[in-house]
Amino acid sequence: HPLCCLSLQEVGPTMVGDEHSDPSLMSFLGATKRNMLGNHFWEYYVNDAPRVVLNKLESCGYRVVSMTGVGQTLVWCLHKE
């Protein structure tokens, strides 16, 4: 069960999923589904800082596998066994 979280800043908002994400997990995170102008896909986001999202995901059994920066975007990849 891999999962990626993206954040444009260290304080949020944090993108937590796409249109194929588990709706119950998105609900647990308090995520809202949106479609940004010009994108051909939907995404889930929360206004929480990444550390808040990562703490919630850890409580569900997810663990950080890797983290990187892409421009001003931070990306965390998590895995749940």
PDB file of N, CA and C in Angstrom:
ATOM      1  N   HIS A   1       0.830  -1.185   0.000  1.00  0.00           N
ATOM      2  CA  HIS A   1       0.000   0.000   0.000  1.00  0.00           C
ATOM      3  C   HIS A   1       0.877   1.252   0.000  1.00  0.00           C
ATOM      4  N   PRO A   2       1.521   1.605  -1.088  1.00  0.00           N
ATOM      5  CA  PRO A   2       2.324   2.834  -1.098  1.00  0.00           C
ATOM      6  C   PRO A   2       1.434   4.075  -1.110  1.00  0.00           C
ATOM      7  N   LEU A   3       1.964   5.161  -0.587  1.00  0.00           N
ATOM      8  CA  LEU A   3       1.242   6.420  -0.522  1.00  0.00           C
ATOM      9  C   LEU A   3       2.252   7.539  -0.615  1.00  0.00           C
ATOM     10  N   CYS A   4       1.953   8.585  -1.364  1.00  0.00           N
ATOM     11  CA  CYS A   4       2.839   9.743  -1.449  1.00  0.00           C
ATOM     12  C   CYS A   4       2.103  10.982  -0.955  1.00  0.00           C
ATOM     13  N   CYS A   5       2.812  11.839  -0.248  1.00  0.00           N
ATOM     14  CA  CYS A   5       2.290  13.126   0.211  1.00  0.00           C
ATOM     15  C   CYS A   5       3.166  14.220  -0.372  1.00  0.00           C
ATOM     16  N   LEU A   6       2.556  15.278  -0.851  1.00  0.00           N
ATOM     17  CA  LEU A   6       3.284  16.409  -1.421  1.00  0.00           C
ATOM     18  C   LEU A   6       2.931  17.673  -0.668  1.00  0.00           C
ATOM     19  N   SER A   7       3.903  18.549  -0.509  1.00  0.00           N
ATOM     20  CA  SER A   7       3.647  19.844   0.103  1.00  0.00           C
ATOM     21  C   SER A   7       4.474  20.903  -0.610  1.00  0.00           C
ATOM     22  N   LEU A   8       3.839  22.026  -0.920  1.00  0.00           N
ATOM     23  CA  LEU A   8       4.550  23.127  -1.555  1.00  0.00           C
ATOM     24  C   LEU A   8       5.291  23.967  -0.538  1.00  0.00           C
ATOM     25  N   GLN A   9       4.945  23.825   0.718  1.00  0.00           N
ATOM     26  CA  GLN A   9       5.600  24.556   1.802  1.00  0.00           C
ATOM     27  C   GLN A   9       5.639  23.636   3.011  1.00  0.00           C
ATOM     28  N   GLU A  10       6.429  23.973   3.984  1.00  0.00           N
ATOM     29  CA  GLU A  10       6.504  23.145   5.184  1.00  0.00           C
ATOM     30  C   GLU A  10       5.294  23.329   6.097  1.00  0.00           C
ATOM     31  N   VAL A  11       4.409  24.262   5.778  1.00  0.00           N
ATOM     32  CA  VAL A  11       3.255  24.527   6.636  1.00  0.00           C
ATOM     33  C   VAL A  11       1.933  24.119   5.989  1.00  0.00           C
ATOM     34  N   GLY A  12       1.940  23.637   4.763  1.00  0.00           N
ATOM     35  CA  GLY A  12       0.717  23.213   4.088  1.00  0.00           C
ATOM     36  C   GLY A  12       0.334  24.196   3.000  1.00  0.00           C
ATOM     37  N   PRO A  13      -0.651  23.914   2.189  1.00  0.00           N
ATOM     38  CA  PRO A  13      -1.470  22.703   2.233  1.00  0.00           C
ATOM     39  C   PRO A  13      -0.662  21.479   1.809  1.00  0.00           C
ATOM     40  N   THR A  14      -1.193  20.307   2.127  1.00  0.00           N
ATOM     41  CA  THR A  14      -0.524  19.060   1.810  1.00  0.00           C
ATOM     42  C   THR A  14      -1.428  18.230   0.903  1.00  0.00           C
ATOM     43  N   MET A  15      -0.929  17.844  -0.259  1.00  0.00           N
ATOM     44  CA  MET A  15      -1.661  16.969  -1.157  1.00  0.00           C
ATOM     45  C   MET A  15      -1.462  15.549  -0.642  1.00  0.00           C
ATOM     46  N   VAL A  16      -2.560  14.820  -0.451  1.00  0.00           N
ATOM     47  CA  VAL A  16      -2.470  13.510   0.174  1.00  0.00           C
ATOM     48  C   VAL A  16      -3.003  12.372  -0.694  1.00  0.00           C
ATOM     49  N   GLY A  17      -3.490  12.663  -1.888  1.00  0.00           N
ATOM     50  CA  GLY A  17      -3.999  11.581  -2.716  1.00  0.00           C
ATOM     51  C   GLY A  17      -4.516  12.062  -4.056  1.00  0.00           C
ATOM     52  N   ASP A  18      -4.856  11.073  -4.900  1.00  0.00           N
ATOM     53  CA  ASP A  18      -5.453  11.371  -6.194  1.00  0.00           C
ATOM     54  C   ASP A  18      -6.851  10.765  -6.258  1.00  0.00           C
ATOM     55  N   GLU A  19      -7.475  10.816  -7.430  1.00  0.00           N
ATOM     56  CA  GLU A  19      -8.858  10.352  -7.545  1.00  0.00           C
ATOM     57  C   GLU A  19      -9.024   8.865  -7.263  1.00  0.00           C
ATOM     58  N   HIS A  20      -7.938   8.115  -7.219  1.00  0.00           N
ATOM     59  CA  HIS A  20      -7.997   6.674  -6.970  1.00  0.00           C
ATOM     60  C   HIS A  20      -7.667   6.322  -5.519  1.00  0.00           C
ATOM     61  N   SER A  21      -7.478   7.303  -4.669  1.00  0.00           N
ATOM     62  CA  SER A  21      -7.108   7.071  -3.272  1.00  0.00           C
ATOM     63  C   SER A  21      -8.273   6.494  -2.472  1.00  0.00           C
ATOM     64  N   ASP A  22      -7.923   5.815  -1.393  1.00  0.00           N
ATOM     65  CA  ASP A  22      -8.908   5.198  -0.507  1.00  0.00           C
ATOM     66  C   ASP A  22      -9.771   6.282   0.139  1.00  0.00           C
ATOM     67  N   PRO A  23     -11.075   6.311  -0.175  1.00  0.00           N
ATOM     68  CA  PRO A  23     -11.948   7.359   0.370  1.00  0.00           C
ATOM     69  C   PRO A  23     -11.992   7.373   1.900  1.00  0.00           C
ATOM     70  N   SER A  24     -11.923   6.203   2.544  1.00  0.00           N
ATOM     71  CA  SER A  24     -11.988   6.190   4.005  1.00  0.00           C
ATOM     72  C   SER A  24     -10.718   6.788   4.615  1.00  0.00           C
ATOM     73  N   LEU A  25      -9.556   6.545   3.987  1.00  0.00           N
ATOM     74  CA  LEU A  25      -8.315   7.152   4.469  1.00  0.00           C
ATOM     75  C   LEU A  25      -8.345   8.667   4.245  1.00  0.00           C
ATOM     76  N   MET A  26      -8.855   9.088   3.101  1.00  0.00           N
ATOM     77  CA  MET A  26      -8.946  10.526   2.825  1.00  0.00           C
ATOM     78  C   MET A  26      -9.879  11.198   3.830  1.00  0.00           C
ATOM     79  N   SER A  27     -10.963  10.525   4.186  1.00  0.00           N
ATOM     80  CA  SER A  27     -11.893  11.058   5.188  1.00  0.00           C
ATOM     81  C   SER A  27     -11.213  11.159   6.552  1.00  0.00           C
ATOM     82  N   PHE A  28     -10.444  10.129   6.926  1.00  0.00           N
ATOM     83  CA  PHE A  28      -9.712  10.135   8.198  1.00  0.00           C
ATOM     84  C   PHE A  28      -8.754  11.328   8.264  1.00  0.00           C
ATOM     85  N   LEU A  29      -8.111  11.642   7.139  1.00  0.00           N
ATOM     86  CA  LEU A  29      -7.171  12.763   7.090  1.00  0.00           C
ATOM     87  C   LEU A  29      -7.886  14.112   7.032  1.00  0.00           C
ATOM     88  N   GLY A  30      -9.195  14.103   6.779  1.00  0.00           N
ATOM     89  CA  GLY A  30      -9.945  15.350   6.648  1.00  0.00           C
ATOM     90  C   GLY A  30      -9.691  16.020   5.309  1.00  0.00           C
ATOM     91  N   ALA A  31      -9.392  15.201   4.288  1.00  0.00           N
ATOM     92  CA  ALA A  31      -9.019  15.721   2.969  1.00  0.00           C
ATOM     93  C   ALA A  31     -10.235  16.150   2.156  1.00  0.00           C
ATOM     94  N   THR A  32     -10.019  17.131   1.317  1.00  0.00           N
ATOM     95  CA  THR A  32     -11.015  17.643   0.385  1.00  0.00           C
ATOM     96  C   THR A  32     -10.554  17.309  -1.029  1.00  0.00           C
ATOM     97  N   LYS A  33     -11.485  16.882  -1.874  1.00  0.00           N
ATOM     98  CA  LYS A  33     -11.170  16.533  -3.262  1.00  0.00           C
ATOM     99  C   LYS A  33     -11.353  17.778  -4.128  1.00  0.00           C
ATOM    100  N   ARG A  34     -10.363  18.056  -4.984  1.00  0.00           N
ATOM    101  CA  ARG A  34     -10.453  19.238  -5.846  1.00  0.00           C
ATOM    102  C   ARG A  34      -9.827  18.948  -7.204  1.00  0.00           C
ATOM    103  N   ASN A  35     -10.204  19.782  -8.165  1.00  0.00           N
ATOM    104  CA  ASN A  35      -9.618  19.735  -9.502  1.00  0.00           C
ATOM    105  C   ASN A  35      -9.091  21.128  -9.802  1.00  0.00           C
ATOM    106  N   MET A  36      -7.770  21.251  -9.918  1.00  0.00           N
ATOM    107  CA  MET A  36      -7.157  22.546 -10.195  1.00  0.00           C
ATOM    108  C   MET A  36      -7.331  22.887 -11.667  1.00  0.00           C
ATOM    109  N   LEU A  37      -7.581  24.148 -11.960  1.00  0.00           N
ATOM    110  CA  LEU A  37      -7.764  24.613 -13.325  1.00  0.00           C
ATOM    111  C   LEU A  37      -6.578  24.196 -14.194  1.00  0.00           C
ATOM    112  N   GLY A  38      -6.858  23.547 -15.317  1.00  0.00           N
ATOM    113  CA  GLY A  38      -5.808  23.118 -16.233  1.00  0.00           C
ATOM    114  C   GLY A  38      -5.351  21.687 -16.025  1.00  0.00           C
ATOM    115  N   ASN A  39      -5.691  21.093 -14.870  1.00  0.00           N
ATOM    116  CA  ASN A  39      -5.325  19.698 -14.621  1.00  0.00           C
ATOM    117  C   ASN A  39      -6.428  18.772 -15.119  1.00  0.00           C
ATOM    118  N   HIS A  40      -6.045  17.613 -15.587  1.00  0.00           N
ATOM    119  CA  HIS A  40      -7.015  16.629 -16.072  1.00  0.00           C
ATOM    120  C   HIS A  40      -7.214  15.526 -15.034  1.00  0.00           C
ATOM    121  N   PHE A  41      -6.964  15.829 -13.778  1.00  0.00           N
ATOM    122  CA  PHE A  41      -7.096  14.849 -12.705  1.00  0.00           C
ATOM    123  C   PHE A  41      -7.571  15.547 -11.438  1.00  0.00           C
ATOM    124  N   TRP A  42      -8.064  14.749 -10.510  1.00  0.00           N
ATOM    125  CA  TRP A  42      -8.508  15.240  -9.202  1.00  0.00           C
ATOM    126  C   TRP A  42      -7.454  14.903  -8.173  1.00  0.00           C
ATOM    127  N   GLU A  43      -7.398  15.695  -7.112  1.00  0.00           N
ATOM    128  CA  GLU A  43      -6.460  15.431  -6.024  1.00  0.00           C
ATOM    129  C   GLU A  43      -7.138  15.716  -4.693  1.00  0.00           C
ATOM    130  N   TYR A  44      -6.652  15.064  -3.654  1.00  0.00           N
ATOM    131  CA  TYR A  44      -7.110  15.321  -2.292  1.00  0.00           C
ATOM    132  C   TYR A  44      -6.052  16.156  -1.584  1.00  0.00           C
ATOM    133  N   TYR A  45      -6.489  17.123  -0.802  1.00  0.00           N
ATOM    134  CA  TYR A  45      -5.550  17.945  -0.047  1.00  0.00           C
ATOM    135  C   TYR A  45      -6.129  18.255   1.328  1.00  0.00           C
ATOM    136  N   VAL A  46      -5.238  18.605   2.239  1.00  0.00           N
ATOM    137  CA  VAL A  46      -5.625  19.096   3.562  1.00  0.00           C
ATOM    138  C   VAL A  46      -4.857  20.382   3.814  1.00  0.00           C
ATOM    139  N   ASN A  47      -5.384  21.217   4.669  1.00  0.00           N
ATOM    140  CA  ASN A  47      -4.687  22.461   5.011  1.00  0.00           C
ATOM    141  C   ASN A  47      -3.644  22.258   6.100  1.00  0.00           C
ATOM    142  N   ASP A  48      -3.565  21.045   6.644  1.00  0.00           N
ATOM    143  CA  ASP A  48      -2.592  20.746   7.695  1.00  0.00           C
ATOM    144  C   ASP A  48      -1.168  20.765   7.169  1.00  0.00           C
ATOM    145  N   ALA A  49      -0.249  21.043   8.081  1.00  0.00           N
ATOM    146  CA  ALA A  49       1.177  20.945   7.765  1.00  0.00           C
ATOM    147  C   ALA A  49       1.529  19.469   7.559  1.00  0.00           C
ATOM    148  N   PRO A  50       2.565  19.188   6.763  1.00  0.00           N
ATOM    149  CA  PRO A  50       2.956  17.797   6.526  1.00  0.00           C
ATOM    150  C   PRO A  50       3.211  17.003   7.804  1.00  0.00           C
ATOM    151  N   ARG A  51       3.803  17.617   8.830  1.00  0.00           N
ATOM    152  CA  ARG A  51       4.093  16.870  10.066  1.00  0.00           C
ATOM    153  C   ARG A  51       2.812  16.371  10.717  1.00  0.00           C
ATOM    154  N   VAL A  52       1.720  17.126  10.607  1.00  0.00           N
ATOM    155  CA  VAL A  52       0.439  16.699  11.164  1.00  0.00           C
ATOM    156  C   VAL A  52      -0.097  15.512  10.367  1.00  0.00           C
ATOM    157  N   VAL A  53      -0.017  15.605   9.041  1.00  0.00           N
ATOM    158  CA  VAL A  53      -0.478  14.521   8.160  1.00  0.00           C
ATOM    159  C   VAL A  53       0.359  13.268   8.402  1.00  0.00           C
ATOM    160  N   LEU A  54       1.675  13.416   8.480  1.00  0.00           N
ATOM    161  CA  LEU A  54       2.549  12.263   8.689  1.00  0.00           C
ATOM    162  C   LEU A  54       2.278  11.597  10.035  1.00  0.00           C
ATOM    163  N   ASN A  55       1.995  12.376  11.066  1.00  0.00           N
ATOM    164  CA  ASN A  55       1.655  11.808  12.372  1.00  0.00           C
ATOM    165  C   ASN A  55       0.354  11.011  12.300  1.00  0.00           C
ATOM    166  N   LYS A  56      -0.642  11.536  11.585  1.00  0.00           N
ATOM    167  CA  LYS A  56      -1.916  10.818  11.427  1.00  0.00           C
ATOM    168  C   LYS A  56      -1.689   9.508  10.670  1.00  0.00           C
ATOM    169  N   LEU A  57      -0.893   9.566   9.599  1.00  0.00           N
ATOM    170  CA  LEU A  57      -0.638   8.365   8.812  1.00  0.00           C
ATOM    171  C   LEU A  57       0.145   7.326   9.615  1.00  0.00           C
ATOM    172  N   GLU A  58       1.057   7.787  10.461  1.00  0.00           N
ATOM    173  CA  GLU A  58       1.816   6.864  11.299  1.00  0.00           C
ATOM    174  C   GLU A  58       0.876   6.121  12.252  1.00  0.00           C
ATOM    175  N   SER A  59      -0.139   6.806  12.754  1.00  0.00           N
ATOM    176  CA  SER A  59      -1.094   6.171  13.661  1.00  0.00           C
ATOM    177  C   SER A  59      -1.918   5.096  12.948  1.00  0.00           C
ATOM    178  N   CYS A  60      -1.950   5.129  11.615  1.00  0.00           N
ATOM    179  CA  CYS A  60      -2.655   4.118  10.810  1.00  0.00           C
ATOM    180  C   CYS A  60      -1.718   3.015  10.331  1.00  0.00           C
ATOM    181  N   GLY A  61      -0.443   3.082  10.712  1.00  0.00           N
ATOM    182  CA  GLY A  61       0.487   2.030  10.325  1.00  0.00           C
ATOM    183  C   GLY A  61       1.385   2.350   9.150  1.00  0.00           C
ATOM    184  N   TYR A  62       1.304   3.570   8.600  1.00  0.00           N
ATOM    185  CA  TYR A  62       2.177   3.956   7.491  1.00  0.00           C
ATOM    186  C   TYR A  62       3.530   4.388   8.037  1.00  0.00           C
ATOM    187  N   ARG A  63       4.580   4.093   7.289  1.00  0.00           N
ATOM    188  CA  ARG A  63       5.944   4.486   7.660  1.00  0.00           C
ATOM    189  C   ARG A  63       6.594   5.201   6.475  1.00  0.00           C
ATOM    190  N   VAL A  64       7.371   6.234   6.756  1.00  0.00           N
ATOM    191  CA  VAL A  64       8.082   6.954   5.707  1.00  0.00           C
ATOM    192  C   VAL A  64       9.181   6.053   5.142  1.00  0.00           C
ATOM    193  N   VAL A  65       9.204   5.914   3.815  1.00  0.00           N
ATOM    194  CA  VAL A  65      10.217   5.118   3.135  1.00  0.00           C
ATOM    195  C   VAL A  65      11.298   6.030   2.574  1.00  0.00           C
ATOM    196  N   SER A  66      10.871   7.187   2.032  1.00  0.00           N
ATOM    197  CA  SER A  66      11.837   8.135   1.480  1.00  0.00           C
ATOM    198  C   SER A  66      11.220   9.522   1.449  1.00  0.00           C
ATOM    199  N   MET A  67      12.096  10.514   1.279  1.00  0.00           N
ATOM    200  CA  MET A  67      11.662  11.907   1.183  1.00  0.00           C
ATOM    201  C   MET A  67      12.631  12.627   0.261  1.00  0.00           C
ATOM    202  N   THR A  68      12.113  13.532  -0.559  1.00  0.00           N
ATOM    203  CA  THR A  68      12.969  14.302  -1.460  1.00  0.00           C
ATOM    204  C   THR A  68      12.329  15.659  -1.715  1.00  0.00           C
ATOM    205  N   GLY A  69      13.101  16.557  -2.254  1.00  0.00           N
ATOM    206  CA  GLY A  69      12.601  17.856  -2.671  1.00  0.00           C
ATOM    207  C   GLY A  69      12.652  17.969  -4.177  1.00  0.00           C
ATOM    208  N   VAL A  70      11.593  18.510  -4.754  1.00  0.00           N
ATOM    209  CA  VAL A  70      11.520  18.743  -6.195  1.00  0.00           C
ATOM    210  C   VAL A  70      11.158  20.203  -6.363  1.00  0.00           C
ATOM    211  N   GLY A  71      12.152  21.054  -6.648  1.00  0.00           N
ATOM    212  CA  GLY A  71      11.898  22.491  -6.668  1.00  0.00           C
ATOM    213  C   GLY A  71      11.496  22.942  -5.277  1.00  0.00           C
ATOM    214  N   GLN A  72      10.341  23.603  -5.177  1.00  0.00           N
ATOM    215  CA  GLN A  72       9.842  24.035  -3.868  1.00  0.00           C
ATOM    216  C   GLN A  72       8.845  23.033  -3.287  1.00  0.00           C
ATOM    217  N   THR A  73       8.722  21.874  -3.919  1.00  0.00           N
ATOM    218  CA  THR A  73       7.795  20.851  -3.461  1.00  0.00           C
ATOM    219  C   THR A  73       8.551  19.774  -2.691  1.00  0.00           C
ATOM    220  N   LEU A  74       7.993  19.356  -1.553  1.00  0.00           N
ATOM    221  CA  LEU A  74       8.550  18.267  -0.768  1.00  0.00           C
ATOM    222  C   LEU A  74       7.678  17.035  -0.994  1.00  0.00           C
ATOM    223  N   VAL A  75       8.305  15.866  -1.164  1.00  0.00           N
ATOM    224  CA  VAL A  75       7.573  14.633  -1.436  1.00  0.00           C
ATOM    225  C   VAL A  75       7.994  13.574  -0.424  1.00  0.00           C
ATOM    226  N   TRP A  76       7.006  12.966   0.250  1.00  0.00           N
ATOM    227  CA  TRP A  76       7.258  11.857   1.165  1.00  0.00           C
ATOM    228  C   TRP A  76       6.581  10.626   0.578  1.00  0.00           C
ATOM    229  N   CYS A  77       7.293   9.509   0.535  1.00  0.00           N
ATOM    230  CA  CYS A  77       6.710   8.235   0.117  1.00  0.00           C
ATOM    231  C   CYS A  77       6.598   7.353   1.361  1.00  0.00           C
ATOM    232  N   LEU A  78       5.406   6.804   1.556  1.00  0.00           N
ATOM    233  CA  LEU A  78       5.130   5.981   2.726  1.00  0.00           C
ATOM    234  C   LEU A  78       4.679   4.596   2.292  1.00  0.00           C
ATOM    235  N   HIS A  79       4.770   3.635   3.225  1.00  0.00           N
ATOM    236  CA  HIS A  79       4.355   2.278   2.934  1.00  0.00           C
ATOM    237  C   HIS A  79       3.653   1.706   4.156  1.00  0.00           C
ATOM    238  N   LYS A  80       2.617   0.934   3.909  1.00  0.00           N
ATOM    239  CA  LYS A  80       1.910   0.230   4.983  1.00  0.00           C
ATOM    240  C   LYS A  80       1.947  -1.248   4.653  1.00  0.00           C
ATOM    241  N   GLU A  81       2.450  -2.039   5.580  1.00  0.00           N
ATOM    242  CA  GLU A  81       2.527  -3.488   5.333  1.00  0.00           C
ATOM    243  C   GLU A  81       1.239  -4.182   5.663  1.00  0.00           C
TER     244      GLU A  81
END
